[in-house]
Structure formats: C-alpha cells, structure tokens
Amino acid sequence: MCDFIKGIDLCESFFHEIAKPILASAFPSLRYSAGLIGYGSDVLGYDDAISTDHMWGPRFLLFLPADDFEATKASVGAVFSSRFPYQYKGYSVHFSPPDAQEFGRKSNQERLIL
C-alpha cells in the first residue's frame, strides 16, 4: 500500500509534474484551465487513508475553449493516453470514461475530465 498523501496535493503534483509538461510539449499554444472541483473529501481537504477506496486518485479537470472542442478533446485525450504513466506516486492513473451526469449538467461540454 502507498503512503497516504492528501488527494488535493496528489492531484496538484500530478498535474504539474505529469500533465502540464505533456501539454506544453504537445500543445504549446493551447489555452486551457485546470483544477479539481466538485464534491468529495479530497476536493474539500477532508480525505484520509480510508477515502482512497472510492473516486480518489491522481486526477484533474481540464477546461478547454469551445472552439474546436471535440477535436481538441480527442487530441489531448489521445496524447494523455499514450504518455501518462501507468502509476503516479504508487496510485493508478487508469481513467475510465467520465460520467456525463457526475456534475449534474450534461450541457457543460467545454471540459475534459481526467
């Protein structure tokens, strides 16, 4: 088992150490925002070692411009799929397709959930 690290710290370091360099290399002119928002003990900072049993791990939301969103989403997703490590700090970096209802709004298309 991995040593516990707060989810927000894990997600922030995952983005800065893994995802951001990939974006800079593969998409140097891409405009985006990234963060970890929503519900969950890791988002709120109340997580502990037991929290790792559900919806927990290195992740972030990537917000992309509406222009050419579908094509950009597909390109970024493909690059992340090929370049992300299998694990980060001992935690799996395997992502299943996002649940469109997770945030209660199907219409929010300008984000890539990872």
C-alpha atoms as a PDB file:
ATOM      1  CA  MET A   1       0.000   0.000   0.000  1.00  0.00           C
ATOM      2  CA  CYS A   2       1.161   3.540  -0.733  1.00  0.00           C
ATOM      3  CA  ASP A   3       1.918   6.109   1.904  1.00  0.00           C
ATOM      4  CA  PHE A   4      -1.126   8.357   2.177  1.00  0.00           C
ATOM      5  CA  ILE A   5      -0.949  11.798   0.619  1.00  0.00           C
ATOM      6  CA  LYS A   6      -3.844  14.261   0.689  1.00  0.00           C
ATOM      7  CA  GLY A   7      -5.810  13.996  -2.547  1.00  0.00           C
ATOM      8  CA  ILE A   8      -5.563  17.679  -3.384  1.00  0.00           C
ATOM      9  CA  ASP A   9      -1.764  17.526  -3.035  1.00  0.00           C
ATOM     10  CA  LEU A  10      -1.582  14.358  -5.130  1.00  0.00           C
ATOM     11  CA  CYS A  11      -3.741  15.875  -7.863  1.00  0.00           C
ATOM     12  CA  GLU A  12      -1.846  19.158  -7.903  1.00  0.00           C
ATOM     13  CA  SER A  13       1.544  17.488  -8.171  1.00  0.00           C
ATOM     14  CA  PHE A  14       0.213  15.051 -10.807  1.00  0.00           C
ATOM     15  CA  PHE A  15      -0.931  17.956 -12.937  1.00  0.00           C
ATOM     16  CA  HIS A  16       2.269  19.996 -12.531  1.00  0.00           C
ATOM     17  CA  GLU A  17       4.732  17.096 -12.837  1.00  0.00           C
ATOM     18  CA  ILE A  18       2.984  14.974 -15.478  1.00  0.00           C
ATOM     19  CA  ALA A  19       0.131  16.663 -17.351  1.00  0.00           C
ATOM     20  CA  LYS A  20       1.396  20.228 -17.665  1.00  0.00           C
ATOM     21  CA  PRO A  21       4.722  19.246 -19.266  1.00  0.00           C
ATOM     22  CA  ILE A  22       2.853  16.997 -21.708  1.00  0.00           C
ATOM     23  CA  LEU A  23       0.512  19.854 -22.636  1.00  0.00           C
ATOM     24  CA  ALA A  24       3.437  22.262 -23.049  1.00  0.00           C
ATOM     25  CA  SER A  25       5.266  19.824 -25.295  1.00  0.00           C
ATOM     26  CA  ALA A  26       2.389  18.517 -27.419  1.00  0.00           C
ATOM     27  CA  PHE A  27       0.142  21.608 -27.467  1.00  0.00           C
ATOM     28  CA  PRO A  28       2.330  24.658 -26.820  1.00  0.00           C
ATOM     29  CA  SER A  29      -0.297  27.193 -27.908  1.00  0.00           C
ATOM     30  CA  LEU A  30      -3.311  25.533 -26.256  1.00  0.00           C
ATOM     31  CA  ARG A  31      -5.374  27.766 -23.986  1.00  0.00           C
ATOM     32  CA  TYR A  32      -6.761  25.839 -21.003  1.00  0.00           C
ATOM     33  CA  SER A  33      -7.508  25.941 -17.319  1.00  0.00           C
ATOM     34  CA  ALA A  34      -7.178  23.032 -14.938  1.00  0.00           C
ATOM     35  CA  GLY A  35      -8.344  22.284 -11.452  1.00  0.00           C
ATOM     36  CA  LEU A  36     -10.037  19.886  -9.114  1.00  0.00           C
ATOM     37  CA  ILE A  37     -13.582  20.961  -8.406  1.00  0.00           C
ATOM     38  CA  GLY A  38     -16.774  19.244  -7.392  1.00  0.00           C
ATOM     39  CA  TYR A  39     -17.648  17.149  -4.406  1.00  0.00           C
ATOM     40  CA  GLY A  40     -15.623  14.678  -2.413  1.00  0.00           C
ATOM     41  CA  SER A  41     -13.476  14.608   0.663  1.00  0.00           C
ATOM     42  CA  ASP A  42     -10.302  15.033  -1.396  1.00  0.00           C
ATOM     43  CA  VAL A  43     -11.630  18.188  -3.045  1.00  0.00           C
ATOM     44  CA  LEU A  44     -12.633  19.617   0.332  1.00  0.00           C
ATOM     45  CA  GLY A  45      -9.435  18.529   2.085  1.00  0.00           C
ATOM     46  CA  TYR A  46     -11.155  16.122   4.483  1.00  0.00           C
ATOM     47  CA  ASP A  47      -9.790  12.920   2.981  1.00  0.00           C
ATOM     48  CA  ASP A  48      -7.821  10.294   4.845  1.00  0.00           C
ATOM     49  CA  ALA A  49      -6.390   6.871   4.014  1.00  0.00           C
ATOM     50  CA  ILE A  50      -9.881   5.324   4.033  1.00  0.00           C
ATOM     51  CA  SER A  51     -11.035   7.817   1.387  1.00  0.00           C
ATOM     52  CA  THR A  52      -8.835   6.142  -1.199  1.00  0.00           C
ATOM     53  CA  ASP A  53     -11.392   3.367  -1.668  1.00  0.00           C
ATOM     54  CA  HIS A  54     -13.671   5.408  -3.964  1.00  0.00           C
ATOM     55  CA  MET A  55     -13.302   8.198  -6.570  1.00  0.00           C
ATOM     56  CA  TRP A  56      -9.830   9.015  -5.322  1.00  0.00           C
ATOM     57  CA  GLY A  57      -6.523   9.280  -7.072  1.00  0.00           C
ATOM     58  CA  PRO A  58      -4.428  11.492  -9.328  1.00  0.00           C
ATOM     59  CA  ARG A  59      -6.905  13.441 -11.444  1.00  0.00           C
ATOM     60  CA  PHE A  60      -7.927  16.895 -12.598  1.00  0.00           C
ATOM     61  CA  LEU A  61     -10.422  18.642 -14.796  1.00  0.00           C
ATOM     62  CA  LEU A  62      -9.098  20.289 -17.916  1.00  0.00           C
ATOM     63  CA  PHE A  63     -11.193  23.145 -19.277  1.00  0.00           C
ATOM     64  CA  LEU A  64     -10.766  23.759 -22.994  1.00  0.00           C
ATOM     65  CA  PRO A  65     -12.011  26.521 -25.305  1.00  0.00           C
ATOM     66  CA  ALA A  66     -15.346  25.911 -27.041  1.00  0.00           C
ATOM     67  CA  ASP A  67     -13.770  26.455 -30.478  1.00  0.00           C
ATOM     68  CA  ASP A  68     -12.949  23.051 -31.976  1.00  0.00           C
ATOM     69  CA  PHE A  69     -13.678  21.484 -28.585  1.00  0.00           C
ATOM     70  CA  GLU A  70     -14.364  17.949 -29.821  1.00  0.00           C
ATOM     71  CA  ALA A  71     -11.210  17.786 -31.938  1.00  0.00           C
ATOM     72  CA  THR A  72      -9.057  19.300 -29.181  1.00  0.00           C
ATOM     73  CA  LYS A  73     -10.567  16.965 -26.584  1.00  0.00           C
ATOM     74  CA  ALA A  74      -9.811  13.948 -28.773  1.00  0.00           C
ATOM     75  CA  SER A  75      -6.243  15.083 -29.455  1.00  0.00           C
ATOM     76  CA  VAL A  76      -5.452  15.865 -25.828  1.00  0.00           C
ATOM     77  CA  GLY A  77      -7.063  12.626 -24.674  1.00  0.00           C
ATOM     78  CA  ALA A  78      -5.040  10.576 -27.144  1.00  0.00           C
ATOM     79  CA  VAL A  79      -1.769  12.215 -26.109  1.00  0.00           C
ATOM     80  CA  PHE A  80      -2.522  11.772 -22.410  1.00  0.00           C
ATOM     81  CA  SER A  81      -3.461   8.132 -23.023  1.00  0.00           C
ATOM     82  CA  SER A  82      -0.145   7.457 -24.703  1.00  0.00           C
ATOM     83  CA  ARG A  83       2.080   9.473 -22.369  1.00  0.00           C
ATOM     84  CA  PHE A  84       0.626   9.184 -18.873  1.00  0.00           C
ATOM     85  CA  PRO A  85       2.482   6.732 -16.651  1.00  0.00           C
ATOM     86  CA  TYR A  86       0.628   3.638 -15.503  1.00  0.00           C
ATOM     87  CA  GLN A  87       1.015   4.804 -11.892  1.00  0.00           C
ATOM     88  CA  TYR A  88       1.867   8.058 -10.175  1.00  0.00           C
ATOM     89  CA  LYS A  89       3.318   8.003  -6.650  1.00  0.00           C
ATOM     90  CA  GLY A  90       2.029   4.451  -6.361  1.00  0.00           C
ATOM     91  CA  TYR A  91      -1.563   5.280  -7.352  1.00  0.00           C
ATOM     92  CA  SER A  92      -3.180   4.057 -10.553  1.00  0.00           C
ATOM     93  CA  VAL A  93      -3.512   6.518 -13.407  1.00  0.00           C
ATOM     94  CA  HIS A  94      -6.115   4.436 -15.230  1.00  0.00           C
ATOM     95  CA  PHE A  95      -9.141   6.513 -16.147  1.00  0.00           C
ATOM     96  CA  SER A  96     -12.485   5.218 -17.274  1.00  0.00           C
ATOM     97  CA  PRO A  97     -14.756   7.378 -19.440  1.00  0.00           C
ATOM     98  CA  PRO A  98     -16.287  10.232 -17.403  1.00  0.00           C
ATOM     99  CA  ASP A  99     -19.884  10.102 -16.236  1.00  0.00           C
ATOM    100  CA  ALA A 100     -21.687  12.933 -18.055  1.00  0.00           C
ATOM    101  CA  GLN A 101     -24.070  13.270 -15.097  1.00  0.00           C
ATOM    102  CA  GLU A 102     -21.315  13.466 -12.462  1.00  0.00           C
ATOM    103  CA  PHE A 103     -21.634  17.222 -12.060  1.00  0.00           C
ATOM    104  CA  GLY A 104     -25.370  17.309 -12.702  1.00  0.00           C
ATOM    105  CA  ARG A 105     -25.134  19.044 -16.098  1.00  0.00           C
ATOM    106  CA  LYS A 106     -24.873  17.339 -19.439  1.00  0.00           C
ATOM    107  CA  SER A 107     -24.504  20.626 -21.286  1.00  0.00           C
ATOM    108  CA  ASN A 108     -21.127  21.590 -19.848  1.00  0.00           C
ATOM    109  CA  GLN A 109     -19.149  20.332 -22.835  1.00  0.00           C
ATOM    110  CA  GLU A 110     -16.079  22.550 -22.504  1.00  0.00           C
ATOM    111  CA  ARG A 111     -14.174  20.343 -20.120  1.00  0.00           C
ATOM    112  CA  LEU A 112     -12.145  17.195 -20.330  1.00  0.00           C
ATOM    113  CA  ILE A 113     -12.396  15.192 -17.134  1.00  0.00           C
ATOM    114  CA  LEU A 114      -9.261  13.278 -16.223  1.00  0.00           C
END
